[in-house]
Amino acid sequence: MNKNRMYRAAIYVRLSKEDGDSFSFGKNESDSIRNQKLLIKNHLSNLPDIKIAETYEDDGYTGTNFERPGFQKLIQAVKEKRIDCVAVKDFSRLGRDYLEAGKYIEKIFPALGVRFISINDDYDSLRPKGQADSLVIPFKNLLNEQYSRDTSGKIRSALSVKRQQGLFVASFSAFGYKRDPQNKNHLVIDEYAAGIVRDIFKLKLEGLSYLAIAKWLTERKIPTPADYKRECGSKYHSGFKVDVYSKWSAVAVKRILTNEVYCGHMVQGKRRKISYKVQAQEYLDQDQWERIENTHEAIISPVTFHEVQRLLNEDTRIGAEDTIYPLAGKVYCADCGAAMVRKTVPSNGRKYIYYVCGNNKQNSKWCSSHSIRAEKLEDAVLASLQAQLTIVLNMDKAMEEIERLTWEQRETKKLNSQLEALEITIQQNQRLRLSVYEDLKIGLIDKAEYEYLRQGFTERIKDAKMAQQKLRGEKNALLAGLNDQQKFLASFRRYANIQILERNLVNVLIERIKVYSNHHIEVEFRYKDRFESVSEFLDMHGKDQVTVFERERV
């Protein structure tokens, strides 16, 4: 290189999320980024043959990946001959991949005639130190890569512990929630988005398909989750190009309808990076997920959520113009088990609607010829639902009449005693763990025995703390009035005094409807086991046992 030439230098600074305080609240760039710039500028100001031309930065990007936006702009400027000198704070700012960093420093930059300066490493390619540099550069790059490997392992371990504690650790909260301003690892409800989530579940209960729900949302200009994140100022980026108003997709609707987070449960760790050097991710089996219940306030009740999951697995049929029939996908032939088909029969200028056996319609030899008027079927089912809802609401009333506070106090006392027992276990094992260390110091046990005993006491402490966490969750749910039986019965109050057959009620309460050739109807109701449990609970507390849901002939 010509030592008398004037170099046009580019300052390059980088800070990963793990390195410091990048993305701090209220800052456009981190303090470390600013400090790097000041350090480099002060150093270059003492070099009369260098003029600072441009500055490039990557705030919040890992050094193991060289596909960083700021770094790629730097390389483009080098190729366009706008700069011929690159200055960094140290080798690790350029990158933490041993091979890639070495390739740029020792091959690419020299081949392009670019002077490279690393201030803290006392390295300037214009004034090489011969064999010393050839030994030091690879060694330092190797140490930088090892640092990334160690940091990655520590971060994975820390995130795993947080997930096991039910703490929120993802980059972006689910649509309908936001980070608690007082605790970034806790979720609170975003009322506007939560209202949209409730509408989506309501529409699904009414029988709409994923695509129909997406169409309903798009027509009303309701922002998609990605659009809403950007509107709220989130640094969210999607791989898809979007318009001012993006269209809702069936996939987005399905993702919301199947997400347990809306029940107040935290489900995390569904995927992970293949390694610290590879950005691609792999999906984990469901048994490897971290699932903790009752970690935040629910948007959707567990009863509604489970009903929607059941509905997603059913055959919901709709008619012309997206008409949703109340009994769609529920009516079956009692003789052959085939689904019954809704059929319109014109007669004397009028139209009559029947349910007919699907097998018989295809081939009269497959099943007997029998049908039932849709109007009569719906009236009979409505009468059956009204009768069963009367039973449900009587159960609900009986539950309210029980001295609920006394029951809750008894349950709370039981949980408190269990928590106290666990606390005693923790303290005892902590004392024992300390005592074995003292035994090691005075020579009563050797190092191997100490490690074995210490590990045992540590595991017992860990197990006891996890059990405590679970019990505290049960206690909080109890004190908040979230008793499962009460929630279950209370969810049916909105259906009191129904006068018309509603699609969502059919989905919630009816498993299937069987039609016999003699026009008898058998309605199979859901929750038989649940209502038996409530009935037993009422009986234990001195209430008259209420007839439980069973199959009923109408």
Protein backbone atom coordinates (compact mmCIF):
# COMPACT_ATOMS: atom_id res chain seq x y z
CA MET A 1 0.00 0.00 0.00
CA ASN A 2 1.03 3.60 -0.62
CA LYS A 3 1.80 5.13 2.78
CA ASN A 4 1.36 8.67 1.43
CA ARG A 5 -2.20 8.21 0.22
CA MET A 6 -5.28 9.60 1.96
CA TYR A 7 -7.67 6.86 3.13
CA ARG A 8 -11.44 7.22 3.19
CA ALA A 9 -12.37 5.34 6.33
CA ALA A 10 -15.60 3.69 7.41
CA ILE A 11 -16.31 3.31 11.11
CA TYR A 12 -18.04 0.02 11.89
CA VAL A 13 -19.66 -0.63 15.28
CA ARG A 14 -21.73 -3.58 16.48
CA LEU A 15 -23.49 -4.65 19.66
CA SER A 16 -25.50 -7.82 20.14
CA LYS A 17 -28.48 -8.05 22.50
CA GLU A 18 -26.37 -10.16 24.84
CA ASP A 19 -23.39 -7.76 24.85
CA GLY A 20 -24.97 -4.81 26.56
CA ASP A 21 -27.87 -2.44 26.78
CA SER A 22 -29.05 -2.36 23.20
CA PHE A 23 -32.72 -1.61 22.72
CA SER A 24 -32.87 0.14 26.09
CA PHE A 25 -36.14 1.97 26.63
CA GLY A 26 -36.16 5.47 25.19
CA LYS A 27 -32.87 5.10 23.29
CA ASN A 28 -32.31 5.02 19.56
CA GLU A 29 -28.94 3.37 20.03
CA SER A 30 -27.11 1.88 22.97
CA ASP A 31 -24.48 3.57 25.09
CA SER A 32 -21.94 0.98 23.96
CA ILE A 33 -22.55 1.89 20.32
CA ARG A 34 -21.88 5.54 21.12
CA ASN A 35 -18.79 4.66 23.10
CA GLN A 36 -17.42 2.59 20.23
CA LYS A 37 -17.92 5.50 17.82
CA LEU A 38 -16.19 7.96 20.14
CA LEU A 39 -13.25 5.61 20.69
CA ILE A 40 -12.74 5.05 16.96
CA LYS A 41 -13.15 8.72 16.05
CA ASN A 42 -10.63 9.79 18.68
CA HIS A 43 -8.13 7.22 17.42
CA LEU A 44 -8.55 8.12 13.74
CA SER A 45 -8.27 11.84 14.49
CA ASN A 46 -4.62 11.19 15.37
CA LEU A 47 -3.94 9.59 11.99
CA PRO A 48 -3.36 12.36 9.43
CA ASP A 49 -3.70 10.00 6.44
CA ILE A 50 -7.27 9.03 7.28
CA LYS A 51 -10.51 10.91 6.63
CA ILE A 52 -13.73 9.52 8.09
CA ALA A 53 -16.16 9.05 5.21
CA GLU A 54 -19.02 6.90 6.53
CA THR A 55 -20.30 5.13 9.64
CA TYR A 56 -22.08 1.77 9.74
CA GLU A 57 -23.67 0.10 12.73
CA ASP A 58 -25.51 -3.07 13.75
CA ASP A 59 -27.23 -2.58 17.08
CA GLY A 60 -28.71 -5.83 18.38
CA TYR A 61 -27.09 -8.26 15.92
CA THR A 62 -25.03 -11.29 16.82
CA GLY A 63 -21.41 -11.49 15.71
CA THR A 64 -21.73 -15.11 14.60
CA ASN A 65 -23.79 -14.09 11.56
CA PHE A 66 -22.23 -11.88 8.89
CA GLU A 67 -25.57 -11.23 7.13
CA ARG A 68 -26.01 -8.10 9.22
CA PRO A 69 -27.58 -5.11 7.43
CA GLY A 70 -24.96 -2.58 8.50
CA PHE A 71 -22.08 -4.91 7.65
CA GLN A 72 -23.56 -5.71 4.24
CA LYS A 73 -23.84 -1.97 3.47
CA LEU A 74 -20.19 -1.62 4.48
CA ILE A 75 -19.13 -4.39 2.07
CA GLN A 76 -21.18 -2.78 -0.71
CA ALA A 77 -19.41 0.53 -0.11
CA VAL A 78 -16.06 -1.29 -0.33
CA LYS A 79 -17.04 -2.86 -3.66
CA GLU A 80 -18.13 0.53 -5.01
CA LYS A 81 -14.75 2.01 -3.99
CA ARG A 82 -16.39 4.63 -1.75
CA ILE A 83 -14.19 3.55 1.16
CA ASP A 84 -10.78 1.89 1.36
CA CYS A 85 -10.31 1.67 5.13
CA VAL A 86 -12.35 -0.06 7.85
CA ALA A 87 -11.91 0.74 11.54
CA VAL A 88 -13.41 -1.21 14.45
CA LYS A 89 -13.02 -1.19 18.22
CA ASP A 90 -11.72 -4.79 18.28
CA PHE A 91 -11.84 -8.00 16.25
CA SER A 92 -15.00 -9.19 18.03
CA ARG A 93 -16.96 -6.19 16.70
CA LEU A 94 -16.21 -7.35 13.16
CA GLY A 95 -17.50 -10.81 14.04
CA ARG A 96 -17.23 -13.78 16.36
CA ASP A 97 -16.98 -16.51 13.77
CA TYR A 98 -13.38 -17.73 13.74
CA LEU A 99 -13.26 -18.66 10.06
CA GLU A 100 -15.34 -15.79 8.65
CA ALA A 101 -13.57 -13.06 10.65
CA GLY A 102 -10.18 -14.44 9.65
CA LYS A 103 -11.24 -14.60 6.01
CA TYR A 104 -12.18 -10.90 5.91
CA ILE A 105 -9.09 -9.73 7.83
CA GLU A 106 -6.49 -11.86 6.06
CA LYS A 107 -7.97 -12.42 2.58
CA ILE A 108 -10.92 -10.29 1.46
CA PHE A 109 -9.82 -6.87 2.75
CA PRO A 110 -6.22 -7.24 1.48
CA ALA A 111 -7.48 -8.45 -1.91
CA LEU A 112 -9.73 -5.38 -2.21
CA GLY A 113 -6.97 -3.02 -1.10
CA VAL A 114 -8.76 -2.13 2.11
CA ARG A 115 -6.82 -1.02 5.16
CA PHE A 116 -8.16 -2.62 8.34
CA ILE A 117 -7.71 -1.15 11.84
CA SER A 118 -8.64 -2.78 15.15
CA ILE A 119 -7.90 -0.30 17.92
CA ASN A 120 -7.95 -2.39 21.09
CA ASP A 121 -6.00 -5.16 19.36
CA ASP A 122 -3.32 -2.66 18.28
CA TYR A 123 -3.66 -3.88 14.71
CA ASP A 124 -3.25 -1.83 11.53
CA SER A 125 -2.86 -3.73 8.27
CA LEU A 126 -0.83 -0.79 6.87
CA ARG A 127 1.77 -1.40 9.57
CA PRO A 128 1.79 -5.19 10.10
CA LYS A 129 3.96 -6.76 12.77
CA GLY A 130 4.92 -9.78 10.71
CA GLN A 131 4.74 -13.18 12.32
CA ALA A 132 3.27 -11.78 15.53
CA ASP A 133 0.10 -10.75 13.71
CA SER A 134 -0.17 -14.06 11.89
CA LEU A 135 -0.24 -15.80 15.28
CA VAL A 136 -2.28 -13.32 17.32
CA ILE A 137 -5.13 -12.67 14.86
CA PRO A 138 -6.32 -16.31 14.53
CA PHE A 139 -5.91 -16.85 18.28
CA LYS A 140 -8.02 -13.82 19.19
CA ASN A 141 -10.70 -14.75 16.65
CA LEU A 142 -10.81 -18.23 18.11
CA LEU A 143 -11.30 -16.78 21.59
CA ASN A 144 -14.08 -14.54 20.28
CA GLU A 145 -15.89 -17.54 18.81
CA GLN A 146 -15.48 -19.46 22.06
CA TYR A 147 -17.05 -16.51 23.88
CA SER A 148 -20.09 -16.72 21.59
CA ARG A 149 -20.38 -20.45 22.18
CA ASP A 150 -20.25 -20.00 25.98
CA THR A 151 -22.68 -17.07 25.90
CA SER A 152 -25.13 -19.01 23.75
CA GLY A 153 -25.11 -21.91 26.21
CA LYS A 154 -25.67 -19.61 29.19
CA ILE A 155 -28.53 -17.81 27.46
CA ARG A 156 -30.22 -21.08 26.52
CA SER A 157 -29.96 -22.28 30.09
CA ALA A 158 -31.27 -19.01 31.54
CA LEU A 159 -34.22 -18.90 29.13
CA SER A 160 -35.08 -22.51 29.92
CA VAL A 161 -35.20 -21.73 33.66
CA LYS A 162 -37.45 -18.71 33.03
CA ARG A 163 -39.80 -20.76 30.85
CA GLN A 164 -40.05 -23.41 33.57
CA GLN A 165 -41.08 -20.65 35.97
CA GLY A 166 -43.86 -19.52 33.62
CA LEU A 167 -42.10 -16.25 32.75
CA PHE A 168 -42.62 -14.77 29.31
CA VAL A 169 -39.33 -14.71 27.37
CA ALA A 170 -40.35 -14.36 23.70
CA SER A 171 -39.51 -11.28 21.64
CA PHE A 172 -43.14 -10.43 20.87
CA SER A 173 -46.29 -11.11 22.87
CA ALA A 174 -49.25 -12.94 21.37
CA PHE A 175 -51.92 -10.81 19.70
CA GLY A 176 -54.28 -9.71 22.48
CA TYR A 177 -51.55 -9.28 25.07
CA LYS A 178 -48.73 -6.86 25.81
CA ARG A 179 -45.81 -6.85 28.22
CA ASP A 180 -46.56 -5.69 31.72
CA PRO A 181 -44.89 -2.26 32.11
CA GLN A 182 -43.90 -3.28 35.65
CA ASN A 183 -42.54 -6.71 34.67
CA LYS A 184 -41.40 -7.48 31.13
CA ASN A 185 -41.67 -11.24 31.80
CA HIS A 186 -45.40 -11.01 32.56
CA LEU A 187 -48.30 -10.54 30.13
CA VAL A 188 -51.29 -8.23 30.59
CA ILE A 189 -54.35 -7.92 28.37
CA ASP A 190 -54.39 -5.41 25.52
CA GLU A 191 -58.11 -4.65 25.54
CA TYR A 192 -58.44 -3.56 21.91
CA ALA A 193 -56.67 -6.61 20.48
CA ALA A 194 -58.32 -8.88 23.06
CA GLY A 195 -61.72 -7.76 21.75
CA ILE A 196 -60.72 -8.97 18.29
CA VAL A 197 -59.58 -12.31 19.73
CA ARG A 198 -62.95 -12.73 21.47
CA ASP A 199 -64.75 -11.96 18.19
CA ILE A 200 -62.70 -14.63 16.40
CA PHE A 201 -63.62 -17.29 18.97
CA LYS A 202 -67.27 -16.19 18.88
CA LEU A 203 -67.39 -16.45 15.09
CA LYS A 204 -65.86 -19.91 15.21
CA LEU A 205 -68.45 -21.06 17.75
CA GLU A 206 -71.10 -19.82 15.33
CA GLY A 207 -69.69 -22.18 12.73
CA LEU A 208 -67.61 -19.97 10.44
CA SER A 209 -64.56 -21.49 8.77
CA TYR A 210 -61.04 -20.08 9.09
CA LEU A 211 -61.39 -18.44 5.68
CA ALA A 212 -64.83 -16.99 6.43
CA ILE A 213 -63.55 -15.47 9.68
CA ALA A 214 -60.53 -14.01 7.84
CA LYS A 215 -62.87 -12.50 5.25
CA TRP A 216 -65.10 -11.03 7.97
CA LEU A 217 -62.09 -9.37 9.66
CA THR A 218 -60.59 -8.06 6.41
CA GLU A 219 -63.89 -6.50 5.25
CA ARG A 220 -64.05 -4.50 8.48
CA LYS A 221 -60.49 -3.21 8.09
CA ILE A 222 -59.46 -4.82 11.36
CA PRO A 223 -55.64 -4.76 11.58
CA THR A 224 -53.83 -8.05 11.36
CA PRO A 225 -51.53 -9.03 14.25
CA ALA A 226 -48.47 -7.91 12.24
CA ASP A 227 -50.04 -4.56 11.31
CA TYR A 228 -51.17 -3.95 14.87
CA LYS A 229 -47.67 -4.59 16.25
CA ARG A 230 -46.25 -2.01 13.85
CA GLU A 231 -49.01 0.50 14.65
CA CYS A 232 -48.11 0.16 18.33
CA GLY A 233 -44.48 1.01 17.58
CA SER A 234 -43.07 -2.50 17.83
CA LYS A 235 -39.90 -3.32 15.87
CA TYR A 236 -41.74 -6.24 14.31
CA HIS A 237 -40.76 -7.37 10.83
CA SER A 238 -42.52 -9.99 8.75
CA GLY A 239 -41.16 -11.94 5.83
CA PHE A 240 -44.26 -11.04 3.85
CA LYS A 241 -44.88 -7.83 1.95
CA VAL A 242 -47.97 -6.08 3.30
CA ASP A 243 -50.23 -3.26 2.09
CA VAL A 244 -51.54 -0.42 4.24
CA TYR A 245 -54.23 -2.87 5.36
CA SER A 246 -53.03 -6.43 5.15
CA LYS A 247 -55.55 -9.17 4.55
CA TRP A 248 -56.27 -11.66 7.27
CA SER A 249 -55.38 -15.21 6.33
CA ALA A 250 -56.89 -18.53 7.38
CA VAL A 251 -53.48 -19.41 8.87
CA ALA A 252 -53.51 -16.33 11.12
CA VAL A 253 -57.04 -17.15 12.32
CA LYS A 254 -56.09 -20.78 13.01
CA ARG A 255 -52.99 -19.68 14.94
CA ILE A 256 -55.17 -17.61 17.28
CA LEU A 257 -57.87 -20.26 17.71
CA THR A 258 -55.36 -22.94 18.71
CA ASN A 259 -53.16 -20.86 21.04
CA GLU A 260 -53.51 -21.83 24.72
CA VAL A 261 -52.08 -18.48 25.81
CA TYR A 262 -55.62 -17.08 25.59
CA CYS A 263 -56.67 -19.41 28.45
CA GLY A 264 -54.03 -17.87 30.71
CA HIS A 265 -51.47 -20.63 30.14
CA MET A 266 -47.89 -20.07 28.98
CA VAL A 267 -46.67 -22.45 26.29
CA GLN A 268 -43.10 -21.74 25.15
CA GLY A 269 -40.03 -23.47 23.76
CA LYS A 270 -41.76 -24.81 20.65
CA ARG A 271 -38.66 -24.23 18.55
CA ARG A 272 -35.00 -23.39 18.96
CA LYS A 273 -31.97 -22.41 16.92
CA ILE A 274 -30.00 -25.34 15.59
CA SER A 275 -26.79 -23.82 16.97
CA TYR A 276 -25.29 -20.47 17.90
CA LYS A 277 -23.69 -20.26 14.42
CA VAL A 278 -26.81 -21.24 12.45
CA GLN A 279 -29.84 -18.94 12.40
CA ALA A 280 -32.20 -21.65 11.12
CA GLN A 281 -34.59 -23.07 13.70
CA GLU A 282 -35.96 -26.53 14.37
CA TYR A 283 -39.40 -27.36 15.76
CA LEU A 284 -39.51 -29.47 18.91
CA ASP A 285 -41.89 -32.28 19.74
CA GLN A 286 -44.83 -31.27 21.91
CA ASP A 287 -43.52 -33.20 24.90
CA GLN A 288 -40.47 -30.89 24.90
CA TRP A 289 -42.52 -27.69 25.17
CA GLU A 290 -42.62 -25.74 28.43
CA ARG A 291 -46.28 -25.44 29.51
CA ILE A 292 -47.20 -23.63 32.74
CA GLU A 293 -50.83 -22.97 33.67
CA ASN A 294 -52.44 -19.83 35.15
CA THR A 295 -49.52 -17.48 34.53
CA HIS A 296 -51.58 -14.49 33.38
CA GLU A 297 -55.18 -13.29 32.98
CA ALA A 298 -57.20 -15.26 30.44
CA ILE A 299 -58.98 -13.66 27.47
CA ILE A 300 -60.96 -16.81 26.64
CA SER A 301 -62.46 -19.13 29.24
CA PRO A 302 -61.11 -22.70 29.25
CA VAL A 303 -64.62 -24.00 28.49
CA THR A 304 -64.88 -21.85 25.35
CA PHE A 305 -61.35 -22.71 24.27
CA HIS A 306 -61.88 -26.46 24.58
CA GLU A 307 -65.19 -26.19 22.75
CA VAL A 308 -63.48 -24.45 19.87
CA GLN A 309 -60.78 -27.15 19.76
CA ARG A 310 -63.48 -29.79 19.59
CA LEU A 311 -65.28 -27.85 16.87
CA LEU A 312 -62.11 -27.56 14.80
CA ASN A 313 -62.07 -31.35 14.49
CA GLU A 314 -65.68 -31.59 13.38
CA ASP A 315 -67.30 -31.41 9.95
CA THR A 316 -69.12 -28.07 9.88
CA ARG A 317 -71.14 -27.66 6.74
CA ILE A 318 -72.62 -24.46 5.44
CA GLY A 319 -75.19 -23.73 2.79
CA ALA A 320 -75.35 -21.24 -0.03
CA GLU A 321 -74.03 -17.73 0.60
CA ASP A 322 -72.21 -18.91 3.72
CA THR A 323 -75.46 -19.65 5.57
CA ILE A 324 -74.66 -21.51 8.78
CA TYR A 325 -77.35 -23.97 9.79
CA PRO A 326 -77.79 -24.50 13.54
CA LEU A 327 -77.41 -28.29 13.32
CA ALA A 328 -74.71 -28.39 10.63
CA GLY A 329 -72.44 -31.42 11.07
CA LYS A 330 -74.43 -32.75 14.05
CA VAL A 331 -77.18 -34.94 12.55
CA TYR A 332 -76.53 -38.64 11.90
CA CYS A 333 -78.52 -41.66 10.85
CA ALA A 334 -79.08 -43.90 13.88
CA ASP A 335 -79.28 -47.04 11.71
CA CYS A 336 -76.09 -46.83 9.62
CA GLY A 337 -74.18 -44.00 11.30
CA ALA A 338 -73.86 -41.89 8.15
CA ALA A 339 -74.22 -38.12 8.29
CA MET A 340 -77.67 -36.94 7.32
CA VAL A 341 -77.90 -34.53 4.42
CA ARG A 342 -79.97 -31.37 4.37
CA LYS A 343 -82.22 -31.53 1.30
CA THR A 344 -84.72 -29.07 -0.18
CA VAL A 345 -87.88 -30.57 -1.74
CA PRO A 346 -90.22 -28.30 -3.78
CA SER A 347 -93.96 -29.08 -3.65
CA ASN A 348 -96.97 -27.07 -4.83
CA GLY A 349 -94.91 -23.93 -5.17
CA ARG A 350 -93.42 -24.25 -1.69
CA LYS A 351 -90.06 -25.55 -0.50
CA TYR A 352 -89.74 -28.11 2.26
CA ILE A 353 -86.44 -28.89 3.93
CA TYR A 354 -85.61 -32.38 5.17
CA TYR A 355 -82.67 -34.24 6.68
CA VAL A 356 -82.18 -37.52 4.83
CA CYS A 357 -79.72 -40.38 5.33
CA GLY A 358 -76.61 -39.74 3.25
CA ASN A 359 -76.09 -43.44 2.48
CA ASN A 360 -79.68 -43.94 1.37
CA LYS A 361 -79.46 -40.89 -0.87
CA GLN A 362 -76.46 -42.38 -2.68
CA ASN A 363 -77.78 -45.93 -2.83
CA SER A 364 -81.17 -47.07 -1.56
CA LYS A 365 -79.69 -50.49 -0.75
CA TRP A 366 -77.21 -49.10 1.80
CA CYS A 367 -79.79 -47.94 4.33
CA SER A 368 -83.52 -47.60 4.86
CA SER A 369 -85.40 -44.66 3.46
CA HIS A 370 -86.18 -42.32 6.30
CA SER A 371 -86.08 -38.56 6.77
CA ILE A 372 -87.29 -35.82 9.09
CA ARG A 373 -88.45 -32.28 8.51
CA ALA A 374 -85.72 -29.79 9.44
CA GLU A 375 -88.23 -27.56 11.21
CA LYS A 376 -89.53 -30.36 13.43
CA LEU A 377 -86.01 -31.56 14.19
CA GLU A 378 -84.85 -28.10 15.21
CA ASP A 379 -87.94 -27.57 17.42
CA ALA A 380 -87.35 -30.88 19.16
CA VAL A 381 -83.66 -30.14 19.74
CA LEU A 382 -84.52 -26.67 21.08
CA ALA A 383 -86.97 -28.17 23.57
CA SER A 384 -84.35 -30.68 24.68
CA LEU A 385 -81.75 -27.94 25.13
CA GLN A 386 -84.16 -25.82 27.16
CA ALA A 387 -84.83 -28.74 29.48
CA GLN A 388 -81.16 -29.52 29.96
CA LEU A 389 -80.24 -25.87 30.50
CA THR A 390 -82.81 -25.76 33.29
CA ILE A 391 -80.87 -28.57 34.98
CA VAL A 392 -77.57 -26.72 34.45
CA LEU A 393 -78.85 -23.45 35.87
CA ASN A 394 -80.33 -25.27 38.88
CA MET A 395 -76.89 -26.73 39.51
CA ASP A 396 -75.38 -23.27 39.23
CA LYS A 397 -77.88 -21.88 41.71
CA ALA A 398 -77.22 -24.73 44.12
CA MET A 399 -73.49 -24.06 43.91
CA GLU A 400 -74.08 -20.42 44.82
CA GLU A 401 -76.17 -21.41 47.84
CA ILE A 402 -73.33 -23.44 49.35
CA GLU A 403 -71.29 -21.59 51.92
CA ARG A 404 -68.65 -20.94 49.32
CA LEU A 405 -66.38 -18.97 51.58
CA THR A 406 -66.16 -21.84 54.05
CA TRP A 407 -65.17 -24.22 51.31
CA GLU A 408 -62.57 -21.81 49.94
CA GLN A 409 -61.14 -21.24 53.41
CA ARG A 410 -60.77 -24.98 53.90
CA GLU A 411 -59.04 -25.39 50.55
CA THR A 412 -56.80 -22.38 51.19
CA LYS A 413 -55.82 -23.76 54.60
CA LYS A 414 -54.92 -27.08 53.01
CA LEU A 415 -52.76 -25.37 50.38
CA ASN A 416 -51.06 -23.21 53.01
CA SER A 417 -50.13 -26.26 55.06
CA GLN A 418 -48.65 -27.92 51.96
CA LEU A 419 -46.66 -24.76 51.19
CA GLU A 420 -45.35 -24.60 54.76
CA ALA A 421 -44.26 -28.25 54.59
CA LEU A 422 -42.37 -27.58 51.38
CA GLU A 423 -40.70 -24.51 52.91
CA ILE A 424 -39.51 -26.66 55.82
CA THR A 425 -38.13 -29.18 53.32
CA ILE A 426 -36.25 -26.42 51.50
CA GLN A 427 -34.73 -25.01 54.67
CA GLN A 428 -33.70 -28.45 55.93
CA ASN A 429 -31.96 -29.30 52.66
CA GLN A 430 -30.24 -25.92 52.57
CA ARG A 431 -28.84 -26.57 56.06
CA LEU A 432 -27.76 -30.09 55.07
CA ARG A 433 -26.08 -28.76 51.94
CA LEU A 434 -24.12 -26.28 54.06
CA SER A 435 -23.19 -28.95 56.58
CA VAL A 436 -21.63 -31.26 53.98
CA TYR A 437 -19.43 -28.37 52.87
CA GLU A 438 -18.23 -28.01 56.46
CA ASP A 439 -17.62 -31.80 56.56
CA LEU A 440 -15.51 -31.44 53.41
CA LYS A 441 -13.44 -28.66 54.96
CA ILE A 442 -12.58 -30.65 58.09
CA GLY A 443 -11.88 -33.81 56.10
CA LEU A 444 -14.83 -36.00 57.15
CA ILE A 445 -15.76 -36.63 53.49
CA ASP A 446 -13.80 -36.42 50.24
CA LYS A 447 -14.57 -34.26 47.20
CA ALA A 448 -16.50 -37.00 45.36
CA GLU A 449 -18.75 -37.67 48.35
CA TYR A 450 -19.29 -33.95 48.79
CA GLU A 451 -20.35 -33.46 45.17
CA TYR A 452 -22.74 -36.42 45.35
CA LEU A 453 -24.42 -35.19 48.54
CA ARG A 454 -24.50 -31.57 47.45
CA GLN A 455 -26.16 -32.51 44.15
CA GLY A 456 -28.80 -34.56 45.99
CA PHE A 457 -29.70 -31.73 48.36
CA THR A 458 -29.77 -29.23 45.46
CA GLU A 459 -32.17 -31.43 43.47
CA ARG A 460 -34.49 -31.74 46.48
CA ILE A 461 -34.51 -27.97 46.92
CA LYS A 462 -35.26 -27.49 43.23
CA ASP A 463 -38.13 -30.01 43.28
CA ALA A 464 -39.63 -28.44 46.40
CA LYS A 465 -39.52 -24.94 44.88
CA MET A 466 -41.21 -26.15 41.70
CA ALA A 467 -43.94 -27.81 43.79
CA GLN A 468 -44.35 -24.55 45.72
CA GLN A 469 -44.80 -22.65 42.48
CA LYS A 470 -47.54 -25.01 41.34
CA LEU A 471 -49.36 -24.79 44.67
CA ARG A 472 -49.17 -20.98 44.66
CA GLY A 473 -50.79 -21.02 41.22
CA GLU A 474 -53.63 -23.18 42.55
CA LYS A 475 -54.03 -20.91 45.56
CA ASN A 476 -54.14 -17.76 43.42
CA ALA A 477 -56.73 -19.33 41.14
CA LEU A 478 -58.81 -20.31 44.16
CA LEU A 479 -58.64 -16.88 45.80
CA ALA A 480 -59.57 -15.23 42.51
CA GLY A 481 -62.78 -17.24 42.39
CA LEU A 482 -61.60 -19.40 39.51
CA ASN A 483 -62.83 -22.69 40.88
CA ASP A 484 -63.16 -24.99 37.90
CA GLN A 485 -66.64 -26.21 38.72
CA GLN A 486 -67.97 -22.72 39.26
CA LYS A 487 -66.41 -21.45 36.04
CA PHE A 488 -67.85 -24.37 34.15
CA LEU A 489 -71.43 -23.83 35.31
CA ALA A 490 -71.27 -20.03 35.15
CA SER A 491 -70.33 -20.20 31.46
CA PHE A 492 -73.89 -21.38 30.66
CA ARG A 493 -75.69 -18.45 32.29
CA ARG A 494 -75.69 -16.48 29.06
CA TYR A 495 -77.92 -19.14 27.51
CA ALA A 496 -80.73 -18.75 30.05
CA ASN A 497 -84.23 -18.35 28.55
CA ILE A 498 -83.18 -19.13 24.99
CA GLN A 499 -86.11 -19.05 22.55
CA ILE A 500 -84.37 -19.85 19.29
CA LEU A 501 -81.90 -22.55 18.35
CA GLU A 502 -78.46 -20.91 18.37
CA ARG A 503 -75.53 -22.38 16.51
CA ASN A 504 -72.97 -21.65 19.24
CA LEU A 505 -75.12 -23.31 21.92
CA VAL A 506 -75.48 -26.41 19.75
CA ASN A 507 -71.69 -26.55 19.39
CA VAL A 508 -71.15 -26.18 23.12
CA LEU A 509 -73.67 -28.70 24.44
CA ILE A 510 -74.45 -31.26 21.74
CA GLU A 511 -72.15 -34.05 20.66
CA ARG A 512 -74.44 -35.47 17.97
CA ILE A 513 -78.10 -36.04 17.09
CA LYS A 514 -79.27 -39.45 15.96
CA VAL A 515 -82.41 -39.83 13.86
CA TYR A 516 -84.21 -43.21 13.77
CA SER A 517 -86.46 -44.50 11.02
CA ASN A 518 -89.54 -44.10 13.27
CA HIS A 519 -88.75 -40.36 13.63
CA HIS A 520 -87.44 -40.79 17.14
CA ILE A 521 -84.52 -38.50 17.95
CA GLU A 522 -81.66 -39.15 20.35
CA VAL A 523 -79.63 -36.14 21.48
CA GLU A 524 -76.19 -36.93 22.88
CA PHE A 525 -75.09 -34.16 25.20
CA ARG A 526 -71.54 -33.38 26.19
CA TYR A 527 -69.99 -33.05 29.64
CA LYS A 528 -71.67 -36.07 31.18
CA ASP A 529 -68.63 -36.73 33.38
CA ARG A 530 -68.33 -33.08 34.36
CA PHE A 531 -71.94 -32.85 35.45
CA GLU A 532 -71.65 -36.08 37.40
CA SER A 533 -68.71 -34.51 39.24
CA VAL A 534 -70.71 -31.36 40.06
CA SER A 535 -73.64 -33.49 41.16
CA GLU A 536 -71.41 -35.46 43.54
CA PHE A 537 -70.00 -32.20 44.91
CA LEU A 538 -73.50 -30.87 45.59
CA ASP A 539 -74.53 -34.14 47.20
CA MET A 540 -71.49 -33.99 49.52
CA HIS A 541 -72.58 -30.55 50.70
CA GLY A 542 -76.13 -31.54 51.58
CA LYS A 543 -77.87 -30.44 48.40
CA ASP A 544 -80.39 -32.56 46.56
CA GLN A 545 -78.61 -34.38 43.78
CA VAL A 546 -79.53 -32.94 40.39
CA THR A 547 -80.18 -35.17 37.40
CA VAL A 548 -77.08 -35.26 35.24
CA PHE A 549 -76.80 -34.86 31.50
CA GLU A 550 -77.48 -38.09 29.72
CA ARG A 551 -78.61 -39.23 26.33
CA GLU A 552 -82.25 -38.26 26.07
CA ARG A 553 -84.90 -39.40 23.67
CA VAL A 554 -87.12 -36.61 22.38
